[in-house]
Amino acid sequence: MVICGHIHRARHAQAGVSGENRHLYVLGHWDEGPSYLVYEDGEFVFVPPLPPGDTM
């Protein structure tokens, strides 16, 4: 798992690496308000939520 910030557009991407599913979380910019992740019920959730289908 990789969590990045300061890229200005929140995204979640998945890729297979060495036969394992890996995740990339990119936090959005803070010009319009905070962008962060919360770990809930065994998964990361964007705050505010990503629009439906808004993945890399």
N, C-alpha and C. Protein backbone atom coordinates (compact mmCIF):
# COMPACT_ATOMS: atom_id res chain seq x y z
N MET A 1 0.84 -1.15 0.00
CA MET A 1 0.00 0.00 0.00
C MET A 1 0.89 1.23 0.00
N VAL A 2 0.45 2.22 -0.79
CA VAL A 2 1.13 3.51 -0.82
C VAL A 2 0.07 4.57 -0.63
N ILE A 3 0.35 5.55 0.23
CA ILE A 3 -0.55 6.69 0.42
C ILE A 3 0.24 7.93 0.05
N CYS A 4 -0.28 8.70 -0.92
CA CYS A 4 0.40 9.91 -1.40
C CYS A 4 -0.45 11.13 -1.11
N GLY A 5 0.20 12.23 -0.94
CA GLY A 5 -0.51 13.50 -0.78
C GLY A 5 0.09 14.52 -1.72
N HIS A 6 -0.54 15.67 -1.78
CA HIS A 6 -0.07 16.81 -2.56
C HIS A 6 -0.02 16.51 -4.06
N ILE A 7 -0.97 15.74 -4.54
CA ILE A 7 -1.07 15.48 -5.99
C ILE A 7 -2.30 16.19 -6.54
N HIS A 8 -3.15 16.70 -5.69
CA HIS A 8 -4.27 17.58 -6.01
C HIS A 8 -5.52 16.91 -6.54
N ARG A 9 -5.52 15.61 -6.76
CA ARG A 9 -6.73 14.94 -7.23
C ARG A 9 -6.83 13.57 -6.55
N ALA A 10 -7.79 13.44 -5.65
CA ALA A 10 -7.93 12.20 -4.88
C ALA A 10 -8.26 11.03 -5.81
N ARG A 11 -7.59 9.90 -5.58
CA ARG A 11 -7.78 8.71 -6.39
C ARG A 11 -7.46 7.47 -5.57
N HIS A 12 -8.02 6.34 -6.02
CA HIS A 12 -7.67 5.03 -5.48
C HIS A 12 -7.40 4.13 -6.68
N ALA A 13 -6.25 3.48 -6.70
CA ALA A 13 -5.90 2.56 -7.78
C ALA A 13 -5.46 1.23 -7.18
N GLN A 14 -5.68 0.16 -7.95
CA GLN A 14 -5.24 -1.17 -7.54
C GLN A 14 -4.43 -1.77 -8.68
N ALA A 15 -3.43 -2.56 -8.33
CA ALA A 15 -2.61 -3.23 -9.34
C ALA A 15 -2.07 -4.53 -8.77
N GLY A 16 -1.89 -5.50 -9.63
CA GLY A 16 -1.27 -6.75 -9.22
C GLY A 16 0.24 -6.61 -9.23
N VAL A 17 0.88 -6.94 -8.12
CA VAL A 17 2.34 -6.89 -8.00
C VAL A 17 2.79 -8.20 -7.38
N SER A 18 3.61 -8.94 -8.11
CA SER A 18 4.10 -10.24 -7.62
C SER A 18 2.95 -11.14 -7.17
N GLY A 19 1.86 -11.10 -7.93
CA GLY A 19 0.72 -11.95 -7.63
C GLY A 19 -0.17 -11.48 -6.49
N GLU A 20 0.10 -10.30 -5.96
CA GLU A 20 -0.70 -9.74 -4.85
C GLU A 20 -1.39 -8.46 -5.31
N ASN A 21 -2.61 -8.23 -4.82
CA ASN A 21 -3.33 -7.00 -5.12
C ASN A 21 -2.80 -5.88 -4.22
N ARG A 22 -2.33 -4.79 -4.84
CA ARG A 22 -1.77 -3.65 -4.09
C ARG A 22 -2.63 -2.42 -4.32
N HIS A 23 -2.58 -1.49 -3.38
CA HIS A 23 -3.41 -0.29 -3.44
C HIS A 23 -2.56 0.97 -3.41
N LEU A 24 -3.01 1.98 -4.16
CA LEU A 24 -2.43 3.31 -4.15
C LEU A 24 -3.56 4.27 -3.78
N TYR A 25 -3.38 5.02 -2.72
CA TYR A 25 -4.34 6.03 -2.31
C TYR A 25 -3.68 7.39 -2.48
N VAL A 26 -4.33 8.27 -3.22
CA VAL A 26 -3.81 9.62 -3.46
C VAL A 26 -4.78 10.60 -2.83
N LEU A 27 -4.30 11.41 -1.90
CA LEU A 27 -5.14 12.40 -1.24
C LEU A 27 -5.30 13.62 -2.13
N GLY A 28 -6.47 14.25 -2.05
CA GLY A 28 -6.76 15.44 -2.86
C GLY A 28 -6.14 16.70 -2.27
N HIS A 29 -6.33 17.80 -3.01
CA HIS A 29 -5.80 19.09 -2.54
C HIS A 29 -6.69 19.63 -1.43
N TRP A 30 -6.17 20.59 -0.70
CA TRP A 30 -6.90 21.16 0.43
C TRP A 30 -7.44 22.55 0.12
N ASP A 31 -7.39 22.98 -1.13
CA ASP A 31 -7.89 24.32 -1.49
C ASP A 31 -9.38 24.47 -1.20
N GLU A 32 -10.15 23.38 -1.39
CA GLU A 32 -11.59 23.43 -1.20
C GLU A 32 -12.02 22.78 0.12
N GLY A 33 -11.07 22.38 0.94
CA GLY A 33 -11.37 21.73 2.21
C GLY A 33 -10.46 20.53 2.40
N PRO A 34 -10.54 19.90 3.56
CA PRO A 34 -9.63 18.78 3.86
C PRO A 34 -9.90 17.55 2.99
N SER A 35 -8.85 16.78 2.78
CA SER A 35 -8.91 15.50 2.06
C SER A 35 -8.03 14.53 2.85
N TYR A 36 -8.64 13.46 3.36
CA TYR A 36 -7.87 12.52 4.16
C TYR A 36 -8.51 11.14 4.11
N LEU A 37 -7.82 10.15 4.67
CA LEU A 37 -8.31 8.78 4.75
C LEU A 37 -8.62 8.43 6.19
N VAL A 38 -9.66 7.62 6.37
CA VAL A 38 -10.03 7.07 7.67
C VAL A 38 -10.03 5.55 7.52
N TYR A 39 -9.47 4.84 8.48
CA TYR A 39 -9.49 3.38 8.46
C TYR A 39 -10.70 2.91 9.26
N GLU A 40 -11.70 2.34 8.55
CA GLU A 40 -12.95 1.90 9.18
C GLU A 40 -13.28 0.48 8.75
N ASP A 41 -13.62 -0.34 9.68
CA ASP A 41 -14.09 -1.70 9.37
C ASP A 41 -13.17 -2.45 8.41
N GLY A 42 -11.86 -2.28 8.60
CA GLY A 42 -10.88 -3.02 7.81
C GLY A 42 -10.56 -2.45 6.45
N GLU A 43 -10.99 -1.21 6.17
CA GLU A 43 -10.66 -0.59 4.88
C GLU A 43 -10.48 0.91 5.04
N PHE A 44 -9.78 1.51 4.07
CA PHE A 44 -9.59 2.96 4.06
C PHE A 44 -10.77 3.60 3.34
N VAL A 45 -11.24 4.73 3.88
CA VAL A 45 -12.36 5.47 3.31
C VAL A 45 -11.91 6.92 3.14
N PHE A 46 -12.16 7.49 1.95
CA PHE A 46 -11.82 8.88 1.70
C PHE A 46 -12.83 9.81 2.37
N VAL A 47 -12.33 10.91 2.93
CA VAL A 47 -13.15 11.98 3.48
C VAL A 47 -12.68 13.26 2.81
N PRO A 48 -13.53 13.94 2.04
CA PRO A 48 -14.86 13.52 1.63
C PRO A 48 -14.78 12.33 0.67
N PRO A 49 -15.91 11.60 0.49
CA PRO A 49 -15.89 10.42 -0.37
C PRO A 49 -15.54 10.76 -1.82
N LEU A 50 -14.92 9.81 -2.52
CA LEU A 50 -14.68 9.98 -3.94
C LEU A 50 -16.01 9.89 -4.69
N PRO A 51 -16.15 10.62 -5.80
CA PRO A 51 -17.34 10.43 -6.61
C PRO A 51 -17.40 8.99 -7.14
N PRO A 52 -18.58 8.43 -7.37
CA PRO A 52 -18.69 7.06 -7.87
C PRO A 52 -17.87 6.84 -9.14
N GLY A 53 -17.12 5.76 -9.18
CA GLY A 53 -16.31 5.42 -10.35
C GLY A 53 -15.07 6.25 -10.54
N ASP A 54 -14.73 7.07 -9.58
CA ASP A 54 -13.57 7.98 -9.71
C ASP A 54 -12.32 7.29 -9.21
N THR A 55 -11.79 6.40 -10.04
CA THR A 55 -10.56 5.67 -9.71
C THR A 55 -9.56 5.85 -10.83
N MET A 56 -8.34 5.44 -10.60
CA MET A 56 -7.31 5.54 -11.63
C MET A 56 -7.42 4.36 -12.57
